[in-house]
Amino acid sequence: MLIDTNNLVSISEANQNFSKIARMVDETGSVVILKNNVPKYIVLNFDQADKENYLNDSELLGISDELMKKNKQAYEVLAK
């Protein structure tokens, strides 16, 4: 997921002015809420949530295998 830096909001601002967050979501599709300056929560338009891509276990394992094969040499060095 790409994060637009204009859609980052502190948790205290979200708590104090949730209607602003809702408007931002209506305009941009999502807002990332920061807790201690770290992305912690995502607020999405409900219709957008169905469109998000989620990986099933076999897809995730396939990606993991590809990364391990691609970076085998680095893993071997780190394992020493």
Protein backbone atom coordinates (compact mmCIF):
# COMPACT_ATOMS: atom_id res chain seq x y z
CA MET A 1 0.00 0.00 0.00
CA LEU A 2 1.30 3.40 -0.94
CA ILE A 3 0.96 6.06 1.74
CA ASP A 4 0.37 9.68 0.83
CA THR A 5 2.19 11.84 3.37
CA ASN A 6 -0.69 14.31 3.18
CA ASN A 7 -2.91 11.62 4.71
CA LEU A 8 -0.89 11.12 7.90
CA VAL A 9 -2.65 12.23 11.08
CA SER A 10 -1.64 11.93 14.72
CA ILE A 11 -3.82 9.83 16.98
CA SER A 12 -4.56 12.85 19.17
CA GLU A 13 -5.79 14.85 16.16
CA ALA A 14 -7.93 11.90 15.03
CA ASN A 15 -9.38 11.62 18.52
CA GLN A 16 -10.17 15.34 18.77
CA ASN A 17 -11.51 15.84 15.25
CA PHE A 18 -12.80 12.58 13.77
CA SER A 19 -15.14 14.40 11.39
CA LYS A 20 -12.04 15.87 9.71
CA ILE A 21 -10.63 12.35 9.33
CA ALA A 22 -13.91 11.14 7.80
CA ARG A 23 -13.82 14.01 5.28
CA MET A 24 -10.22 13.18 4.39
CA VAL A 25 -11.20 9.55 3.81
CA ASP A 26 -14.10 10.67 1.61
CA GLU A 27 -11.71 12.80 -0.45
CA THR A 28 -8.68 10.52 -0.65
CA GLY A 29 -9.87 7.00 0.15
CA SER A 30 -7.77 6.45 3.26
CA VAL A 31 -6.01 8.06 6.20
CA VAL A 32 -3.09 6.66 8.20
CA ILE A 33 -3.17 7.40 11.92
CA LEU A 34 0.18 7.70 13.66
CA LYS A 35 0.82 6.64 17.24
CA ASN A 36 4.14 7.88 18.64
CA ASN A 37 5.04 9.02 15.11
CA VAL A 38 4.70 5.48 13.75
CA PRO A 39 1.92 4.38 11.35
CA LYS A 40 -0.47 2.35 13.48
CA TYR A 41 -3.99 2.44 11.99
CA ILE A 42 -5.63 2.85 8.61
CA VAL A 43 -9.08 4.34 8.15
CA LEU A 44 -10.60 3.27 4.83
CA ASN A 45 -13.80 3.95 3.02
CA PHE A 46 -15.87 0.78 3.50
CA ASP A 47 -16.20 0.26 -0.26
CA GLN A 48 -12.42 0.57 -0.62
CA ALA A 49 -11.81 -2.14 1.99
CA ASP A 50 -13.36 -4.77 -0.28
CA LYS A 51 -11.03 -3.76 -3.10
CA GLU A 52 -7.83 -4.16 -1.08
CA ASN A 53 -5.76 -7.16 -2.10
CA TYR A 54 -5.08 -9.75 0.52
CA LEU A 55 -2.79 -12.73 0.02
CA ASN A 56 -3.79 -16.24 0.94
CA ASP A 57 -1.28 -18.54 2.64
CA SER A 58 -0.06 -20.24 -0.55
CA GLU A 59 0.56 -16.88 -2.26
CA LEU A 60 2.46 -15.64 0.78
CA LEU A 61 4.57 -18.80 0.93
CA GLY A 62 5.35 -18.45 -2.78
CA ILE A 63 6.60 -14.89 -2.29
CA SER A 64 8.61 -16.00 0.74
CA ASP A 65 10.26 -18.80 -1.27
CA GLU A 66 11.13 -16.39 -4.09
CA LEU A 67 12.71 -13.92 -1.66
CA MET A 68 14.71 -16.65 0.05
CA LYS A 69 16.03 -17.95 -3.29
CA LYS A 70 16.83 -14.45 -4.51
CA ASN A 71 18.68 -13.53 -1.30
CA LYS A 72 20.19 -16.94 -0.48
CA GLN A 73 23.75 -15.62 -0.40
CA ALA A 74 22.84 -12.81 2.03
CA TYR A 75 21.00 -15.27 4.33
CA GLU A 76 24.04 -17.57 4.35
CA VAL A 77 26.32 -14.70 5.36
CA LEU A 78 23.92 -13.61 8.10
CA ALA A 79 23.65 -17.16 9.41
CA LYS A 80 27.39 -17.31 10.21
